[in-house]
Amino acid sequence: MTPELVVLPDDVAAAERGAEVVTDRAERAVRDRGRADLAFSGGTTPGLMFASLAARDLPWAHVHLWQVDERVAPKDGPDRNLTYLEAAFGDLGGVRIHPMPVDDADLEAAAAAYEARLPPAFDLVHLGLGADGHTASLVPGDPVLDVADRGVALTGEYQGHRRMTLTYRGLARAEEILWLVPGGDKRAALATHLAADPSIPAGRVAAARSTILVDRAALPDDVHAR
């Protein structure tokens, strides 16, 4: 299905709209089945969205937060995505954060154990887009791109760290994918992604329903805002 592209004035407006989308999806899931399963990507981009979302009056005791990816890096450090998840959501009433076990000695076994704990489906998965076309920790040229028999796997080294990440099979658990893509450095990658070009990792992600939130800085010149 063709993603819905939504263009906002700037990164703050994109983050606010992202928080609105997550809120709506989480509230509907809790209302319909008593819990919401949300998976969030790391990186610096979602910080504004996390702050807006954490300030909202969601039924947090029924919300489960999962990690899309995580660096193999020291616990509580600035390189760990979990550090930012816990800072944003850790004090909210009863929310359950499910960390990827990147501190385990046997990382392959840890990845398999994390997959075994995943819900059958995610109500929403949040993804970003790197300037090189990567998403989650599915990066260009990494063998993890071809992993089809597991939903969680380990990457090679990328920007100084190995990563644990949901694979394409893991991302296929998403009922809905929310892409948050602000910034002019994403423009070329976004144009390729909008063309569903499989030459970049993001172009191989498929979902029954997806929304791409961009700011005007990220909008390619040949794509009309709507």
N, C-alpha and C. Protein backbone atom coordinates (compact mmCIF):
# COMPACT_ATOMS: atom_id res chain seq x y z
N MET A 1 0.85 -1.19 0.00
CA MET A 1 0.00 0.00 0.00
C MET A 1 0.89 1.24 0.00
N THR A 2 0.51 2.26 -0.78
CA THR A 2 1.27 3.49 -0.86
C THR A 2 1.21 4.24 0.47
N PRO A 3 2.37 4.65 1.02
CA PRO A 3 2.34 5.37 2.30
C PRO A 3 1.66 6.73 2.16
N GLU A 4 1.11 7.19 3.26
CA GLU A 4 0.58 8.55 3.32
C GLU A 4 1.72 9.49 3.66
N LEU A 5 1.96 10.48 2.82
CA LEU A 5 3.01 11.46 3.05
C LEU A 5 2.39 12.72 3.62
N VAL A 6 2.88 13.15 4.78
CA VAL A 6 2.38 14.35 5.44
C VAL A 6 3.55 15.30 5.63
N VAL A 7 3.43 16.51 5.11
CA VAL A 7 4.50 17.49 5.18
C VAL A 7 4.15 18.56 6.21
N LEU A 8 5.05 18.76 7.16
CA LEU A 8 4.87 19.74 8.23
C LEU A 8 5.88 20.87 8.06
N PRO A 9 5.63 22.02 8.70
CA PRO A 9 6.52 23.17 8.49
C PRO A 9 7.96 22.94 8.96
N ASP A 10 8.13 22.24 10.09
CA ASP A 10 9.47 22.08 10.65
C ASP A 10 9.52 20.81 11.50
N ASP A 11 10.69 20.57 12.11
CA ASP A 11 10.86 19.34 12.86
C ASP A 11 10.00 19.30 14.12
N VAL A 12 9.72 20.45 14.72
CA VAL A 12 8.87 20.48 15.90
C VAL A 12 7.45 20.07 15.54
N ALA A 13 6.94 20.62 14.45
CA ALA A 13 5.59 20.27 14.01
C ALA A 13 5.51 18.80 13.61
N ALA A 14 6.56 18.28 12.99
CA ALA A 14 6.58 16.86 12.61
C ALA A 14 6.56 15.98 13.85
N ALA A 15 7.31 16.37 14.87
CA ALA A 15 7.34 15.60 16.12
C ALA A 15 5.99 15.62 16.81
N GLU A 16 5.33 16.76 16.81
CA GLU A 16 4.00 16.86 17.43
C GLU A 16 3.00 15.98 16.70
N ARG A 17 3.04 16.00 15.38
CA ARG A 17 2.12 15.15 14.63
C ARG A 17 2.45 13.68 14.89
N GLY A 18 3.72 13.35 14.99
CA GLY A 18 4.09 11.99 15.31
C GLY A 18 3.53 11.54 16.64
N ALA A 19 3.61 12.42 17.65
CA ALA A 19 3.06 12.09 18.96
C ALA A 19 1.55 11.90 18.89
N GLU A 20 0.89 12.68 18.05
CA GLU A 20 -0.56 12.52 17.87
C GLU A 20 -0.89 11.16 17.26
N VAL A 21 -0.12 10.74 16.25
CA VAL A 21 -0.36 9.46 15.60
C VAL A 21 -0.15 8.31 16.59
N VAL A 22 0.94 8.37 17.36
CA VAL A 22 1.21 7.32 18.34
C VAL A 22 0.13 7.28 19.41
N THR A 23 -0.28 8.45 19.87
CA THR A 23 -1.33 8.53 20.90
C THR A 23 -2.62 7.88 20.42
N ASP A 24 -3.02 8.23 19.21
CA ASP A 24 -4.27 7.68 18.67
C ASP A 24 -4.18 6.17 18.55
N ARG A 25 -3.06 5.67 18.04
CA ARG A 25 -2.91 4.24 17.86
C ARG A 25 -2.88 3.51 19.20
N ALA A 26 -2.18 4.07 20.18
CA ALA A 26 -2.08 3.43 21.49
C ALA A 26 -3.43 3.41 22.20
N GLU A 27 -4.14 4.51 22.14
CA GLU A 27 -5.45 4.56 22.81
C GLU A 27 -6.42 3.57 22.19
N ARG A 28 -6.41 3.45 20.88
CA ARG A 28 -7.31 2.50 20.23
C ARG A 28 -6.96 1.06 20.59
N ALA A 29 -5.65 0.77 20.66
CA ALA A 29 -5.23 -0.59 21.00
C ALA A 29 -5.63 -0.95 22.42
N VAL A 30 -5.43 -0.03 23.35
CA VAL A 30 -5.81 -0.30 24.74
C VAL A 30 -7.32 -0.46 24.86
N ARG A 31 -8.05 0.36 24.15
CA ARG A 31 -9.51 0.26 24.18
C ARG A 31 -9.98 -1.06 23.58
N ASP A 32 -9.34 -1.50 22.50
CA ASP A 32 -9.81 -2.69 21.78
C ASP A 32 -9.35 -4.00 22.41
N ARG A 33 -8.13 -4.02 22.97
CA ARG A 33 -7.63 -5.31 23.46
C ARG A 33 -6.89 -5.23 24.79
N GLY A 34 -6.92 -4.06 25.41
CA GLY A 34 -6.39 -3.96 26.77
C GLY A 34 -4.91 -3.66 26.88
N ARG A 35 -4.19 -3.54 25.77
CA ARG A 35 -2.77 -3.19 25.81
C ARG A 35 -2.35 -2.63 24.46
N ALA A 36 -1.27 -1.88 24.48
CA ALA A 36 -0.68 -1.35 23.25
C ALA A 36 0.78 -1.76 23.21
N ASP A 37 1.21 -2.26 22.06
CA ASP A 37 2.60 -2.65 21.84
C ASP A 37 3.20 -1.73 20.79
N LEU A 38 4.14 -0.89 21.23
CA LEU A 38 4.76 0.10 20.37
C LEU A 38 6.25 -0.17 20.30
N ALA A 39 6.85 -0.04 19.12
CA ALA A 39 8.29 -0.24 18.97
C ALA A 39 8.91 1.07 18.46
N PHE A 40 9.93 1.53 19.17
CA PHE A 40 10.56 2.80 18.84
C PHE A 40 12.00 2.60 18.39
N SER A 41 12.39 3.36 17.37
CA SER A 41 13.77 3.39 16.92
C SER A 41 14.58 4.35 17.77
N GLY A 42 15.90 4.22 17.66
CA GLY A 42 16.78 5.11 18.39
C GLY A 42 17.23 6.27 17.54
N GLY A 43 18.37 6.83 17.91
CA GLY A 43 18.88 8.00 17.22
C GLY A 43 18.41 9.28 17.88
N THR A 44 18.87 10.41 17.35
CA THR A 44 18.53 11.71 17.94
C THR A 44 17.21 12.27 17.42
N THR A 45 16.78 11.83 16.24
CA THR A 45 15.59 12.41 15.62
C THR A 45 14.32 12.32 16.47
N PRO A 46 14.02 11.19 17.12
CA PRO A 46 12.72 11.09 17.79
C PRO A 46 12.63 11.78 19.15
N GLY A 47 13.68 12.47 19.59
CA GLY A 47 13.66 13.07 20.91
C GLY A 47 12.50 14.02 21.15
N LEU A 48 12.22 14.89 20.19
CA LEU A 48 11.10 15.83 20.33
C LEU A 48 9.78 15.09 20.39
N MET A 49 9.63 14.04 19.59
CA MET A 49 8.40 13.26 19.61
C MET A 49 8.24 12.55 20.95
N PHE A 50 9.32 11.99 21.48
CA PHE A 50 9.25 11.34 22.78
C PHE A 50 8.79 12.31 23.86
N ALA A 51 9.34 13.53 23.85
CA ALA A 51 8.98 14.52 24.87
C ALA A 51 7.51 14.88 24.79
N SER A 52 7.00 15.08 23.57
CA SER A 52 5.59 15.41 23.40
C SER A 52 4.71 14.25 23.82
N LEU A 53 5.11 13.05 23.46
CA LEU A 53 4.31 11.87 23.79
C LEU A 53 4.27 11.64 25.30
N ALA A 54 5.40 11.80 25.97
CA ALA A 54 5.48 11.55 27.41
C ALA A 54 4.62 12.53 28.20
N ALA A 55 4.34 13.69 27.63
CA ALA A 55 3.53 14.70 28.33
C ALA A 55 2.04 14.44 28.18
N ARG A 56 1.67 13.43 27.43
CA ARG A 56 0.26 13.16 27.16
C ARG A 56 -0.32 12.16 28.15
N ASP A 57 -1.60 12.28 28.35
CA ASP A 57 -2.29 11.45 29.34
C ASP A 57 -2.75 10.15 28.70
N LEU A 58 -1.80 9.26 28.43
CA LEU A 58 -2.11 7.95 27.87
C LEU A 58 -2.34 6.95 29.00
N PRO A 59 -2.99 5.84 28.71
CA PRO A 59 -3.14 4.77 29.71
C PRO A 59 -1.83 4.00 29.83
N TRP A 60 -0.82 4.64 30.41
CA TRP A 60 0.55 4.13 30.37
C TRP A 60 0.69 2.75 31.00
N ALA A 61 -0.12 2.44 31.98
CA ALA A 61 -0.01 1.13 32.64
C ALA A 61 -0.32 -0.02 31.68
N HIS A 62 -0.91 0.29 30.54
CA HIS A 62 -1.26 -0.74 29.57
C HIS A 62 -0.39 -0.65 28.30
N VAL A 63 0.68 0.14 28.37
CA VAL A 63 1.53 0.36 27.21
C VAL A 63 2.85 -0.40 27.37
N HIS A 64 3.22 -1.13 26.32
CA HIS A 64 4.50 -1.85 26.27
C HIS A 64 5.36 -1.20 25.20
N LEU A 65 6.57 -0.80 25.58
CA LEU A 65 7.50 -0.17 24.65
C LEU A 65 8.63 -1.14 24.32
N TRP A 66 8.82 -1.40 23.04
CA TRP A 66 9.84 -2.30 22.56
C TRP A 66 10.89 -1.51 21.78
N GLN A 67 12.07 -2.07 21.65
CA GLN A 67 13.13 -1.41 20.89
C GLN A 67 13.20 -1.98 19.48
N VAL A 68 13.28 -1.08 18.51
CA VAL A 68 13.52 -1.48 17.13
C VAL A 68 14.98 -1.88 16.95
N ASP A 69 15.87 -1.13 17.62
CA ASP A 69 17.30 -1.43 17.50
C ASP A 69 18.03 -0.87 18.71
N GLU A 70 19.24 -1.38 18.92
CA GLU A 70 20.05 -0.94 20.04
C GLU A 70 21.52 -1.17 19.73
N ARG A 71 22.36 -0.25 20.16
CA ARG A 71 23.80 -0.40 20.01
C ARG A 71 24.36 -1.32 21.09
N VAL A 72 25.36 -2.08 20.73
CA VAL A 72 26.11 -2.85 21.73
C VAL A 72 27.11 -1.87 22.33
N ALA A 73 26.69 -1.26 23.42
CA ALA A 73 27.45 -0.17 24.05
C ALA A 73 27.18 -0.20 25.55
N PRO A 74 28.00 0.49 26.34
CA PRO A 74 27.84 0.44 27.80
C PRO A 74 26.46 0.91 28.25
N LYS A 75 25.93 0.22 29.25
CA LYS A 75 24.62 0.53 29.81
C LYS A 75 24.61 1.94 30.39
N ASP A 76 23.49 2.62 30.19
CA ASP A 76 23.25 3.98 30.70
C ASP A 76 24.08 5.05 30.00
N GLY A 77 24.84 4.68 28.99
CA GLY A 77 25.65 5.66 28.30
C GLY A 77 24.90 6.36 27.18
N PRO A 78 25.50 7.41 26.62
CA PRO A 78 24.84 8.19 25.57
C PRO A 78 24.66 7.45 24.26
N ASP A 79 25.40 6.34 24.07
CA ASP A 79 25.25 5.58 22.82
C ASP A 79 24.12 4.58 22.87
N ARG A 80 23.54 4.36 24.02
CA ARG A 80 22.46 3.39 24.15
C ARG A 80 21.11 4.06 23.91
N ASN A 81 20.32 3.54 22.99
CA ASN A 81 18.98 4.06 22.75
C ASN A 81 18.10 3.94 23.98
N LEU A 82 18.34 2.89 24.77
CA LEU A 82 17.55 2.68 25.98
C LEU A 82 17.68 3.86 26.94
N THR A 83 18.83 4.49 26.98
CA THR A 83 19.04 5.63 27.87
C THR A 83 17.98 6.70 27.63
N TYR A 84 17.67 6.96 26.37
CA TYR A 84 16.72 8.02 26.02
C TYR A 84 15.27 7.55 26.21
N LEU A 85 15.03 6.28 25.95
CA LEU A 85 13.69 5.74 26.21
C LEU A 85 13.35 5.83 27.69
N GLU A 86 14.30 5.43 28.53
CA GLU A 86 14.04 5.45 29.96
C GLU A 86 13.93 6.87 30.49
N ALA A 87 14.72 7.79 29.94
CA ALA A 87 14.64 9.18 30.38
C ALA A 87 13.28 9.78 30.04
N ALA A 88 12.74 9.42 28.88
CA ALA A 88 11.46 9.99 28.45
C ALA A 88 10.27 9.32 29.11
N PHE A 89 10.32 8.00 29.26
CA PHE A 89 9.12 7.26 29.65
C PHE A 89 9.24 6.47 30.96
N GLY A 90 10.43 6.40 31.52
CA GLY A 90 10.65 5.52 32.65
C GLY A 90 9.86 5.85 33.89
N ASP A 91 9.50 7.13 34.07
CA ASP A 91 8.78 7.53 35.27
C ASP A 91 7.27 7.59 35.08
N LEU A 92 6.79 7.18 33.92
CA LEU A 92 5.36 7.23 33.66
C LEU A 92 4.67 6.03 34.28
N GLY A 93 3.45 6.23 34.78
CA GLY A 93 2.78 5.23 35.59
C GLY A 93 2.62 3.86 34.99
N GLY A 94 3.53 2.97 35.30
CA GLY A 94 3.36 1.56 34.95
C GLY A 94 3.75 1.16 33.56
N VAL A 95 4.27 2.08 32.75
CA VAL A 95 4.67 1.71 31.38
C VAL A 95 5.74 0.62 31.45
N ARG A 96 5.67 -0.32 30.54
CA ARG A 96 6.63 -1.43 30.52
C ARG A 96 7.59 -1.24 29.34
N ILE A 97 8.86 -1.06 29.65
CA ILE A 97 9.90 -0.92 28.63
C ILE A 97 10.64 -2.25 28.54
N HIS A 98 10.77 -2.76 27.32
CA HIS A 98 11.40 -4.06 27.09
C HIS A 98 12.75 -3.82 26.39
N PRO A 99 13.84 -3.78 27.14
CA PRO A 99 15.15 -3.48 26.54
C PRO A 99 15.69 -4.65 25.72
N MET A 100 16.35 -4.33 24.64
CA MET A 100 17.11 -5.35 23.93
C MET A 100 18.31 -5.74 24.78
N PRO A 101 18.57 -7.04 24.96
CA PRO A 101 19.60 -7.51 25.90
C PRO A 101 21.01 -7.49 25.31
N VAL A 102 21.50 -6.30 25.01
CA VAL A 102 22.82 -6.19 24.38
C VAL A 102 23.97 -6.30 25.36
N ASP A 103 23.67 -6.44 26.66
CA ASP A 103 24.72 -6.65 27.66
C ASP A 103 25.07 -8.13 27.84
N ASP A 104 24.28 -9.02 27.25
CA ASP A 104 24.52 -10.44 27.42
C ASP A 104 25.82 -10.87 26.73
N ALA A 105 26.45 -11.87 27.30
CA ALA A 105 27.70 -12.36 26.72
C ALA A 105 27.47 -13.02 25.37
N ASP A 106 26.38 -13.77 25.25
CA ASP A 106 26.06 -14.46 24.00
C ASP A 106 24.99 -13.64 23.27
N LEU A 107 25.42 -12.78 22.39
CA LEU A 107 24.49 -11.86 21.74
C LEU A 107 23.54 -12.56 20.78
N GLU A 108 23.99 -13.61 20.14
CA GLU A 108 23.11 -14.34 19.23
C GLU A 108 21.96 -14.97 20.02
N ALA A 109 22.28 -15.58 21.15
CA ALA A 109 21.24 -16.16 21.99
C ALA A 109 20.33 -15.07 22.56
N ALA A 110 20.91 -13.93 22.88
CA ALA A 110 20.12 -12.82 23.42
C ALA A 110 19.13 -12.31 22.38
N ALA A 111 19.56 -12.23 21.13
CA ALA A 111 18.66 -11.79 20.06
C ALA A 111 17.50 -12.76 19.91
N ALA A 112 17.79 -14.06 19.96
CA ALA A 112 16.73 -15.06 19.85
C ALA A 112 15.78 -14.98 21.03
N ALA A 113 16.31 -14.72 22.22
CA ALA A 113 15.46 -14.60 23.41
C ALA A 113 14.56 -13.37 23.31
N TYR A 114 15.09 -12.27 22.77
CA TYR A 114 14.26 -11.06 22.62
C TYR A 114 13.13 -11.32 21.64
N GLU A 115 13.46 -11.99 20.54
CA GLU A 115 12.41 -12.30 19.56
C GLU A 115 11.32 -13.17 20.19
N ALA A 116 11.71 -14.09 21.04
CA ALA A 116 10.73 -14.98 21.66
C ALA A 116 9.76 -14.23 22.56
N ARG A 117 10.18 -13.06 23.05
CA ARG A 117 9.32 -12.26 23.93
C ARG A 117 8.45 -11.26 23.17
N LEU A 118 8.71 -11.08 21.89
CA LEU A 118 7.96 -10.08 21.13
C LEU A 118 6.48 -10.45 21.06
N PRO A 119 5.62 -9.43 20.98
CA PRO A 119 4.20 -9.71 20.78
C PRO A 119 3.96 -10.24 19.38
N PRO A 120 2.82 -10.91 19.15
CA PRO A 120 2.53 -11.39 17.79
C PRO A 120 2.49 -10.26 16.76
N ALA A 121 2.08 -9.09 17.21
CA ALA A 121 2.04 -7.93 16.31
C ALA A 121 2.33 -6.67 17.12
N PHE A 122 2.93 -5.69 16.45
CA PHE A 122 3.09 -4.37 17.03
C PHE A 122 1.94 -3.49 16.54
N ASP A 123 1.34 -2.76 17.45
CA ASP A 123 0.30 -1.82 17.01
C ASP A 123 0.89 -0.72 16.15
N LEU A 124 2.13 -0.32 16.48
CA LEU A 124 2.80 0.71 15.69
C LEU A 124 4.30 0.54 15.85
N VAL A 125 5.03 0.69 14.76
CA VAL A 125 6.49 0.73 14.77
C VAL A 125 6.93 2.08 14.25
N HIS A 126 7.77 2.76 15.01
CA HIS A 126 8.35 4.03 14.56
C HIS A 126 9.71 3.76 13.92
N LEU A 127 9.91 4.34 12.75
CA LEU A 127 11.18 4.22 12.04
C LEU A 127 11.69 5.60 11.64
N GLY A 128 13.00 5.71 11.57
CA GLY A 128 13.64 6.88 11.01
C GLY A 128 14.27 6.53 9.67
N LEU A 129 14.96 7.48 9.10
CA LEU A 129 15.61 7.30 7.80
C LEU A 129 16.94 8.01 7.83
N GLY A 130 18.03 7.26 7.64
CA GLY A 130 19.34 7.88 7.59
C GLY A 130 19.65 8.46 6.23
N ALA A 131 20.59 9.36 6.21
CA ALA A 131 20.98 9.97 4.93
C ALA A 131 21.53 8.93 3.95
N ASP A 132 22.02 7.81 4.49
CA ASP A 132 22.52 6.73 3.62
C ASP A 132 21.44 5.72 3.27
N GLY A 133 20.19 6.00 3.68
CA GLY A 133 19.08 5.11 3.35
C GLY A 133 18.83 4.01 4.35
N HIS A 134 19.57 4.01 5.48
CA HIS A 134 19.32 2.96 6.46
C HIS A 134 18.08 3.28 7.29
N THR A 135 17.49 2.25 7.85
CA THR A 135 16.41 2.40 8.81
C THR A 135 16.56 1.30 9.84
N ALA A 136 16.02 1.52 11.07
CA ALA A 136 16.35 0.66 12.18
C ALA A 136 17.88 0.58 12.20
N SER A 137 18.46 -0.61 12.36
CA SER A 137 19.90 -0.76 12.12
C SER A 137 20.13 -1.66 10.93
N LEU A 138 19.27 -1.51 9.94
CA LEU A 138 19.41 -2.18 8.65
C LEU A 138 20.18 -1.23 7.75
N VAL A 139 21.49 -1.47 7.65
CA VAL A 139 22.37 -0.50 7.01
C VAL A 139 22.90 -1.04 5.69
N PRO A 140 23.25 -0.15 4.77
CA PRO A 140 23.71 -0.60 3.45
C PRO A 140 24.88 -1.57 3.54
N GLY A 141 24.77 -2.67 2.80
CA GLY A 141 25.87 -3.60 2.70
C GLY A 141 26.02 -4.59 3.83
N ASP A 142 25.21 -4.49 4.88
CA ASP A 142 25.36 -5.40 6.01
C ASP A 142 24.64 -6.72 5.72
N PRO A 143 25.23 -7.84 6.08
CA PRO A 143 24.57 -9.14 5.85
C PRO A 143 23.21 -9.26 6.52
N VAL A 144 22.94 -8.44 7.56
CA VAL A 144 21.65 -8.53 8.24
C VAL A 144 20.49 -8.24 7.29
N LEU A 145 20.75 -7.53 6.20
CA LEU A 145 19.69 -7.22 5.25
C LEU A 145 19.08 -8.48 4.63
N ASP A 146 19.87 -9.54 4.59
CA ASP A 146 19.40 -10.77 3.95
C ASP A 146 18.95 -11.83 4.94
N VAL A 147 18.86 -11.47 6.22
CA VAL A 147 18.38 -12.41 7.23
C VAL A 147 16.86 -12.54 7.10
N ALA A 148 16.40 -13.72 6.74
CA ALA A 148 14.96 -13.93 6.53
C ALA A 148 14.35 -14.92 7.49
N ASP A 149 15.19 -15.60 8.28
CA ASP A 149 14.67 -16.65 9.15
C ASP A 149 14.55 -16.21 10.61
N ARG A 150 14.87 -14.95 10.90
CA ARG A 150 14.80 -14.43 12.26
C ARG A 150 14.21 -13.02 12.27
N GLY A 151 13.52 -12.70 13.34
CA GLY A 151 12.94 -11.37 13.48
C GLY A 151 13.84 -10.38 14.17
N VAL A 152 14.87 -10.87 14.86
CA VAL A 152 15.86 -10.03 15.54
C VAL A 152 17.23 -10.60 15.24
N ALA A 153 18.19 -9.74 14.90
CA ALA A 153 19.51 -10.23 14.52
C ALA A 153 20.57 -9.19 14.87
N LEU A 154 21.83 -9.60 14.74
CA LEU A 154 22.98 -8.74 15.01
C LEU A 154 23.58 -8.24 13.71
N THR A 155 24.01 -7.00 13.73
CA THR A 155 24.69 -6.42 12.56
C THR A 155 26.20 -6.54 12.74
N GLY A 156 26.91 -6.18 11.69
CA GLY A 156 28.33 -5.91 11.81
C GLY A 156 28.52 -4.54 12.44
N GLU A 157 29.76 -4.08 12.46
CA GLU A 157 30.02 -2.75 13.05
C GLU A 157 29.55 -1.65 12.11
N TYR A 158 28.88 -0.66 12.68
CA TYR A 158 28.40 0.49 11.91
C TYR A 158 28.54 1.72 12.80
N GLN A 159 29.28 2.70 12.32
CA GLN A 159 29.54 3.92 13.09
C GLN A 159 30.04 3.59 14.50
N GLY A 160 30.93 2.63 14.56
CA GLY A 160 31.60 2.34 15.82
C GLY A 160 30.98 1.28 16.71
N HIS A 161 29.82 0.76 16.33
CA HIS A 161 29.15 -0.22 17.19
C HIS A 161 28.47 -1.31 16.36
N ARG A 162 28.45 -2.52 16.91
CA ARG A 162 27.51 -3.52 16.42
C ARG A 162 26.13 -3.15 16.95
N ARG A 163 25.10 -3.67 16.32
CA ARG A 163 23.73 -3.36 16.73
C ARG A 163 22.90 -4.63 16.82
N MET A 164 21.88 -4.60 17.66
CA MET A 164 20.81 -5.58 17.63
C MET A 164 19.62 -4.88 17.01
N THR A 165 18.96 -5.54 16.08
CA THR A 165 17.90 -4.85 15.33
C THR A 165 16.78 -5.80 14.94
N LEU A 166 15.60 -5.25 14.81
CA LEU A 166 14.55 -5.98 14.12
C LEU A 166 14.94 -6.11 12.66
N THR A 167 14.76 -7.27 12.10
CA THR A 167 15.00 -7.51 10.68
C THR A 167 13.73 -7.15 9.90
N TYR A 168 13.77 -7.33 8.59
CA TYR A 168 12.55 -7.12 7.81
C TYR A 168 11.43 -8.04 8.30
N ARG A 169 11.80 -9.25 8.67
CA ARG A 169 10.80 -10.17 9.21
C ARG A 169 10.22 -9.62 10.51
N GLY A 170 11.05 -9.05 11.35
CA GLY A 170 10.55 -8.47 12.59
C GLY A 170 9.67 -7.26 12.35
N LEU A 171 10.07 -6.42 11.42
CA LEU A 171 9.27 -5.23 11.10
C LEU A 171 7.93 -5.60 10.48
N ALA A 172 7.86 -6.77 9.88
CA ALA A 172 6.60 -7.22 9.27
C ALA A 172 5.52 -7.48 10.31
N ARG A 173 5.88 -7.48 11.60
CA ARG A 173 4.87 -7.61 12.66
C ARG A 173 4.06 -6.32 12.85
N ALA A 174 4.47 -5.25 12.20
CA ALA A 174 3.83 -3.95 12.42
C ALA A 174 2.46 -3.88 11.76
N GLU A 175 1.46 -3.50 12.54
CA GLU A 175 0.16 -3.17 11.97
C GLU A 175 0.23 -1.84 11.23
N GLU A 176 1.11 -0.97 11.72
CA GLU A 176 1.27 0.36 11.13
C GLU A 176 2.70 0.82 11.36
N ILE A 177 3.27 1.47 10.37
CA ILE A 177 4.61 2.03 10.51
C ILE A 177 4.52 3.55 10.42
N LEU A 178 5.18 4.20 11.35
CA LEU A 178 5.26 5.66 11.37
C LEU A 178 6.71 6.05 11.08
N TRP A 179 6.91 6.69 9.95
CA TRP A 179 8.23 7.20 9.59
C TRP A 179 8.31 8.67 10.01
N LEU A 180 9.37 9.03 10.71
CA LEU A 180 9.60 10.42 11.10
C LEU A 180 10.91 10.85 10.45
N VAL A 181 10.81 11.77 9.47
CA VAL A 181 11.97 12.09 8.63
C VAL A 181 12.12 13.60 8.48
N PRO A 182 12.70 14.27 9.47
CA PRO A 182 12.98 15.69 9.33
C PRO A 182 14.42 15.95 8.89
N GLY A 183 14.66 17.11 8.27
CA GLY A 183 16.02 17.53 7.99
C GLY A 183 16.43 17.45 6.54
N GLY A 184 17.11 18.49 6.08
CA GLY A 184 17.54 18.56 4.69
C GLY A 184 18.53 17.49 4.28
N ASP A 185 19.26 16.92 5.26
CA ASP A 185 20.22 15.87 4.93
C ASP A 185 19.54 14.57 4.52
N LYS A 186 18.23 14.47 4.75
CA LYS A 186 17.48 13.26 4.40
C LYS A 186 16.83 13.34 3.02
N ARG A 187 16.97 14.49 2.34
CA ARG A 187 16.19 14.73 1.13
C ARG A 187 16.44 13.68 0.05
N ALA A 188 17.69 13.40 -0.24
CA ALA A 188 17.99 12.44 -1.31
C ALA A 188 17.51 11.04 -0.94
N ALA A 189 17.76 10.63 0.31
CA ALA A 189 17.31 9.30 0.74
C ALA A 189 15.79 9.21 0.72
N LEU A 190 15.12 10.29 1.10
CA LEU A 190 13.66 10.28 1.11
C LEU A 190 13.11 10.14 -0.31
N ALA A 191 13.72 10.81 -1.27
CA ALA A 191 13.27 10.68 -2.66
C ALA A 191 13.38 9.23 -3.12
N THR A 192 14.47 8.56 -2.75
CA THR A 192 14.65 7.16 -3.12
C THR A 192 13.64 6.28 -2.41
N HIS A 193 13.42 6.58 -1.14
CA HIS A 193 12.47 5.79 -0.36
C HIS A 193 11.04 5.93 -0.89
N LEU A 194 10.65 7.14 -1.25
CA LEU A 194 9.30 7.37 -1.77
C LEU A 194 9.08 6.62 -3.09
N ALA A 195 10.16 6.35 -3.79
CA ALA A 195 10.06 5.59 -5.03
C ALA A 195 10.04 4.09 -4.78
N ALA A 196 10.04 3.70 -3.48
CA ALA A 196 10.08 2.28 -3.09
C ALA A 196 11.25 1.57 -3.75
N ASP A 197 12.38 2.27 -3.81
CA ASP A 197 13.57 1.75 -4.46
C ASP A 197 14.30 0.81 -3.48
N PRO A 198 14.41 -0.48 -3.81
CA PRO A 198 15.05 -1.43 -2.89
C PRO A 198 16.56 -1.31 -2.83
N SER A 199 17.14 -0.34 -3.53
CA SER A 199 18.59 -0.17 -3.47
C SER A 199 19.04 0.40 -2.13
N ILE A 200 18.11 0.97 -1.36
CA ILE A 200 18.43 1.39 0.00
C ILE A 200 17.64 0.50 0.97
N PRO A 201 18.18 0.27 2.16
CA PRO A 201 17.48 -0.60 3.10
C PRO A 201 16.05 -0.18 3.40
N ALA A 202 15.81 1.12 3.55
CA ALA A 202 14.46 1.59 3.86
C ALA A 202 13.47 1.25 2.76
N GLY A 203 13.94 1.18 1.53
CA GLY A 203 13.06 0.90 0.41
C GLY A 203 12.53 -0.52 0.38
N ARG A 204 13.06 -1.37 1.24
CA ARG A 204 12.61 -2.77 1.28
C ARG A 204 11.61 -3.03 2.40
N VAL A 205 11.29 -2.01 3.17
CA VAL A 205 10.31 -2.17 4.26
C VAL A 205 8.91 -2.09 3.68
N ALA A 206 8.09 -3.09 3.97
CA ALA A 206 6.71 -3.11 3.49
C ALA A 206 5.77 -3.12 4.67
N ALA A 207 4.63 -2.47 4.52
CA ALA A 207 3.64 -2.44 5.59
C ALA A 207 2.26 -2.25 5.00
N ALA A 208 1.26 -2.82 5.67
CA ALA A 208 -0.11 -2.66 5.22
C ALA A 208 -0.54 -1.20 5.32
N ARG A 209 0.00 -0.51 6.31
CA ARG A 209 -0.35 0.90 6.50
C ARG A 209 0.88 1.63 7.00
N SER A 210 1.23 2.74 6.37
CA SER A 210 2.36 3.52 6.84
C SER A 210 2.13 5.00 6.56
N THR A 211 2.68 5.81 7.44
CA THR A 211 2.61 7.26 7.34
C THR A 211 4.03 7.80 7.39
N ILE A 212 4.36 8.70 6.50
CA ILE A 212 5.67 9.33 6.49
C ILE A 212 5.49 10.81 6.84
N LEU A 213 6.04 11.21 7.98
CA LEU A 213 5.99 12.60 8.42
C LEU A 213 7.32 13.27 8.10
N VAL A 214 7.29 14.32 7.33
CA VAL A 214 8.51 15.03 6.96
C VAL A 214 8.31 16.52 7.22
N ASP A 215 9.43 17.22 7.38
CA ASP A 215 9.34 18.67 7.40
C ASP A 215 9.71 19.19 6.01
N ARG A 216 9.52 20.48 5.78
CA ARG A 216 9.75 21.02 4.43
C ARG A 216 11.21 20.92 4.02
N ALA A 217 12.11 20.93 4.99
CA ALA A 217 13.53 20.81 4.67
C ALA A 217 13.85 19.47 4.03
N ALA A 218 13.13 18.42 4.43
CA ALA A 218 13.40 17.08 3.91
C ALA A 218 12.69 16.78 2.60
N LEU A 219 11.74 17.61 2.22
CA LEU A 219 10.90 17.31 1.05
C LEU A 219 11.69 17.44 -0.24
N PRO A 220 11.77 16.37 -1.04
CA PRO A 220 12.48 16.47 -2.32
C PRO A 220 11.84 17.50 -3.23
N ASP A 221 12.63 18.09 -4.10
CA ASP A 221 12.14 19.17 -4.96
C ASP A 221 11.03 18.74 -5.89
N ASP A 222 11.05 17.47 -6.31
CA ASP A 222 10.06 17.02 -7.29
C ASP A 222 8.83 16.36 -6.64
N VAL A 223 8.72 16.49 -5.31
CA VAL A 223 7.55 15.95 -4.60
C VAL A 223 6.73 17.11 -4.10
N HIS A 224 5.45 17.09 -4.40
CA HIS A 224 4.58 18.19 -4.00
C HIS A 224 4.03 17.95 -2.59
N ALA A 225 4.06 18.99 -1.79
CA ALA A 225 3.52 18.90 -0.43
C ALA A 225 2.01 18.68 -0.48
N ARG A 226 1.52 17.88 0.45
CA ARG A 226 0.08 17.67 0.52
C ARG A 226 -0.30 17.30 1.97
